[in-house]
Protein backbone atom coordinates (compact mmCIF):
# COMPACT_ATOMS: atom_id res chain seq x y z
CA UNK A 1 -34.53 30.46 -39.24
CA UNK A 2 -33.23 26.75 -37.83
CA UNK A 3 -32.81 26.44 -34.18
CA UNK A 4 -29.83 24.16 -33.30
CA UNK A 5 -29.82 22.10 -29.89
CA UNK A 6 -26.78 23.07 -28.06
CA UNK A 7 -24.93 20.18 -27.01
CA UNK A 8 -22.96 19.96 -23.82
CA UNK A 9 -19.19 19.45 -24.73
CA UNK A 10 -18.00 15.82 -23.50
CA UNK A 11 -15.60 17.29 -21.50
CA UNK A 12 -17.62 19.88 -19.55
CA UNK A 13 -16.54 19.84 -15.88
CA UNK A 14 -13.96 17.21 -16.34
CA UNK A 15 -10.07 17.71 -15.93
CA UNK A 16 -8.51 16.81 -19.27
CA UNK A 17 -4.89 16.39 -20.12
CA UNK A 18 -2.42 14.35 -18.33
CA UNK A 19 -2.78 12.33 -15.20
CA UNK A 20 0.20 13.16 -12.74
CA UNK A 21 2.10 10.76 -11.14
CA UNK A 22 1.52 9.69 -7.60
CA UNK A 23 4.30 11.26 -5.57
CA UNK A 24 6.58 8.68 -3.20
CA UNK A 25 4.47 10.17 -0.22
CA UNK A 26 1.44 9.07 -1.64
CA UNK A 27 2.37 5.81 -2.75
CA UNK A 28 3.51 5.11 0.95
CA UNK A 29 0.47 6.25 2.17
CA UNK A 30 -1.88 4.06 -0.41
CA UNK A 31 0.55 0.87 0.91
CA UNK A 32 -0.24 2.00 4.71
CA UNK A 33 -3.98 2.04 4.25
CA UNK A 34 -4.05 -1.28 2.04
CA UNK A 35 -2.35 -2.82 4.69
CA UNK A 36 -4.10 -1.38 7.65
CA UNK A 37 -7.48 -2.45 5.56
CA UNK A 38 -6.09 -6.08 5.01
CA UNK A 39 -6.73 -5.39 1.20
CA UNK A 40 -4.66 -8.57 0.23
CA UNK A 41 -5.51 -8.27 -3.70
CA UNK A 42 -5.39 -4.53 -3.97
CA UNK A 43 -1.84 -4.54 -2.44
CA UNK A 44 -0.74 -6.25 -4.78
CA UNK A 45 -2.24 -4.78 -7.48
CA UNK A 46 -1.20 -1.58 -6.57
CA UNK A 47 2.34 -2.67 -6.35
CA UNK A 48 2.64 -4.40 -9.40
CA UNK A 49 0.90 -1.76 -11.33
CA UNK A 50 3.54 0.60 -9.79
CA UNK A 51 6.57 -1.81 -10.59
CA UNK A 52 5.24 -2.78 -14.15
CA UNK A 53 3.97 0.15 -15.46
CA UNK A 54 1.79 -1.32 -17.90
CA UNK A 55 -1.27 0.31 -19.01
CA UNK A 56 -4.65 -0.72 -17.60
CA UNK A 57 -5.48 -3.22 -20.07
CA UNK A 58 -2.35 -5.07 -19.45
CA UNK A 59 -2.33 -5.24 -15.99
CA UNK A 60 -6.00 -6.37 -15.71
CA UNK A 61 -5.42 -9.41 -18.30
CA UNK A 62 -2.31 -10.78 -16.66
CA UNK A 63 -2.24 -14.28 -15.72
CA UNK A 64 -0.75 -15.99 -12.71
CA UNK A 65 1.79 -17.90 -15.01
CA UNK A 66 3.05 -14.71 -16.08
CA UNK A 67 4.37 -13.40 -12.82
CA UNK A 68 5.59 -16.62 -11.54
CA UNK A 69 6.66 -19.91 -11.92
CA UNK A 70 5.26 -22.85 -9.91
CA UNK A 71 5.10 -21.41 -6.26
CA UNK A 72 7.91 -18.90 -7.08
CA UNK A 73 7.01 -15.19 -8.15
CA UNK A 74 9.28 -14.04 -10.70
CA UNK A 75 11.82 -11.27 -9.71
CA UNK A 76 11.35 -10.17 -13.73
CA UNK A 77 8.95 -10.62 -16.57
CA UNK A 78 8.16 -9.82 -20.23
CA UNK A 79 4.75 -9.45 -21.46
CA UNK A 80 3.63 -8.34 -24.92
CA UNK A 81 1.77 -5.07 -24.86
CA UNK A 82 -1.76 -5.20 -26.37
CA UNK A 83 -2.12 -1.86 -27.76
CA UNK A 84 1.42 -2.15 -29.89
CA UNK A 85 2.36 -5.97 -29.70
CA UNK A 86 5.68 -4.62 -28.84
CA UNK A 87 7.08 -7.18 -25.77
CA UNK A 88 8.17 -4.69 -22.60
CA UNK A 89 10.10 -6.21 -19.52
CA UNK A 90 9.58 -5.01 -15.75
CA UNK A 91 10.75 -6.00 -12.45
CA UNK A 92 8.95 -6.94 -9.61
CA UNK A 93 10.78 -5.76 -6.49
CA UNK A 94 10.33 -7.82 -3.16
CA UNK A 95 7.47 -5.52 -1.39
CA UNK A 96 5.89 -6.70 -5.05
CA UNK A 97 6.63 -10.31 -4.81
CA UNK A 98 5.76 -10.37 -0.84
CA UNK A 99 2.30 -8.85 -1.59
CA UNK A 100 1.41 -10.93 -4.77
CA UNK A 101 2.45 -14.40 -3.02
CA UNK A 102 0.14 -13.37 -0.39
CA UNK A 103 -2.92 -12.36 -2.66
CA UNK A 104 -2.30 -15.77 -4.39
CA UNK A 105 -1.82 -17.98 -1.08
CA UNK A 106 -5.28 -16.59 -0.44
CA UNK A 107 -6.95 -16.72 -3.76
CA UNK A 108 -5.50 -20.34 -4.66
CA UNK A 109 -5.37 -19.29 -8.28
CA UNK A 110 -3.94 -21.72 -11.10
CA UNK A 111 -1.23 -20.27 -13.49
CA UNK A 112 -3.76 -20.25 -16.47
CA UNK A 113 -5.94 -18.33 -14.50
CA UNK A 114 -6.04 -14.46 -14.51
CA UNK A 115 -4.18 -12.88 -11.81
CA UNK A 116 -7.05 -10.27 -10.92
CA UNK A 117 -10.44 -12.38 -11.74
CA UNK A 118 -13.85 -10.53 -11.71
CA UNK A 119 -16.61 -11.10 -9.64
CA UNK A 120 -18.72 -10.68 -12.70
CA UNK A 121 -19.75 -13.97 -14.07
CA UNK A 122 -19.38 -12.54 -17.72
CA UNK A 123 -16.34 -10.91 -17.21
CA UNK A 124 -13.14 -13.01 -16.45
CA UNK A 125 -10.83 -10.67 -15.13
CA UNK A 126 -11.78 -7.56 -13.83
CA UNK A 127 -12.55 -4.71 -16.39
CA UNK A 128 -10.51 -1.46 -17.19
CA UNK A 129 -13.46 0.65 -15.88
CA UNK A 130 -13.34 -1.25 -12.61
CA UNK A 131 -9.31 -0.93 -12.11
CA UNK A 132 -10.10 2.82 -12.74
CA UNK A 133 -12.59 3.45 -10.28
CA UNK A 134 -10.25 1.28 -7.74
CA UNK A 135 -7.32 3.73 -8.64
CA UNK A 136 -9.50 6.90 -7.80
CA UNK A 137 -10.50 4.77 -4.48
CA UNK A 138 -6.82 5.02 -3.59
CA UNK A 139 -6.22 8.57 -4.28
CA UNK A 140 -9.07 9.20 -1.85
CA UNK A 141 -7.63 6.97 0.73
CA UNK A 142 -4.27 9.01 0.37
CA UNK A 143 -6.15 12.17 0.86
CA UNK A 144 -5.89 13.33 -2.62
CA UNK A 145 -8.16 14.83 -5.42
CA UNK A 146 -9.22 11.42 -7.09
CA UNK A 147 -10.52 13.20 -10.09
CA UNK A 148 -7.06 14.69 -11.29
CA UNK A 149 -5.46 11.05 -10.74
CA UNK A 150 -6.36 7.58 -13.07
CA UNK A 151 -4.94 4.76 -14.47
CA UNK A 152 -1.83 6.38 -16.15
CA UNK A 153 -0.92 7.67 -12.92
CA UNK A 154 0.08 4.16 -12.11
CA UNK A 155 1.84 4.00 -15.19
CA UNK A 156 3.75 7.13 -14.91
CA UNK A 157 4.52 7.38 -11.27
CA UNK A 158 7.97 4.78 -11.43
CA UNK A 159 8.80 5.95 -14.86
CA UNK A 160 8.83 9.42 -13.73
CA UNK A 161 10.77 8.74 -10.60
CA UNK A 162 13.49 6.83 -12.62
CA UNK A 163 13.64 9.46 -14.72
CA UNK A 164 14.17 12.30 -12.36
CA UNK A 165 16.95 10.22 -10.81
CA UNK A 166 18.90 9.03 -14.00
CA UNK A 167 17.71 11.78 -16.50
CA UNK A 168 18.13 8.67 -19.04
CA UNK A 169 15.30 8.92 -21.25
CA UNK A 170 16.23 5.86 -23.50
CA UNK A 171 15.98 4.00 -20.80
CA UNK A 172 12.31 5.12 -19.65
CA UNK A 173 11.22 4.34 -23.39
CA UNK A 174 12.43 0.92 -22.95
CA UNK A 175 10.58 0.63 -20.10
CA UNK A 176 7.60 1.95 -21.01
CA UNK A 177 7.16 -0.16 -24.24
CA UNK A 178 7.75 3.04 -26.36
CA UNK A 179 8.47 2.73 -30.04
CA UNK A 180 9.54 6.55 -30.39
CA UNK A 181 11.62 8.80 -28.04
CA UNK A 182 9.21 11.79 -29.06
CA UNK A 183 6.49 9.48 -27.42
CA UNK A 184 8.19 9.24 -24.15
CA UNK A 185 8.94 12.83 -23.84
CA UNK A 186 5.50 14.01 -24.78
CA UNK A 187 3.96 10.78 -22.08
CA UNK A 188 6.00 12.45 -19.23
CA UNK A 189 5.82 15.92 -20.21
CA UNK A 190 9.20 16.07 -19.11
CA UNK A 191 10.37 18.96 -21.09
CA UNK A 192 7.93 21.24 -19.42
CA UNK A 193 8.82 19.92 -15.93
CA UNK A 194 12.24 20.44 -16.78
CA UNK A 195 11.91 23.96 -17.80
CA UNK A 196 10.10 24.61 -14.83
CA UNK A 197 12.87 23.57 -12.27
CA UNK A 198 15.26 25.40 -14.37
CA UNK A 199 13.41 28.73 -13.83
CA UNK A 200 12.76 27.87 -10.49
CA UNK A 201 16.47 27.55 -9.76
CA UNK A 202 17.22 30.90 -11.42
CA UNK A 203 17.20 33.86 -9.99
CA UNK A 204 17.42 37.36 -11.55
């Protein structure tokens, strides 16, 4: 009788499924931490990640010229997503423009350079893995369980807040660059959230 070696499941001991978005209080906790520690690059990255709602691979590959014109930080821009090749627009709020401008002044990066260059010689910009580690660090700094959060938490945060305020799914679909509305529903997990919210408000 043959004996087969038991393989450890890839997700053993790991939390799987959707990463939750950050709550407004978490966002402010992280911002205050980054400001107090004078983490100029990370504050720019955090604010831009929240505003842009970009996937990690698109965020780390942004160039200076994508979000600026000369010395002026744009209030709105458009980038092409690497996964879908679909263009997506996003706004840069005033706090984001201020933090990005501070980072550019400190780093002295040119327009054709990557916005978040890597310190590793073989990599032109920080990797998605490094970005993921940074997000975990931000979650830790806010006193959260960093195992629960990830780069998609950044992508989902503003989209979730906008949906809760407007219930406008089509707008969220455009902001996230999804080709199908079903993808947006699934991504935000809103049907479950809405059902729970209705349930909580229903007394028997």
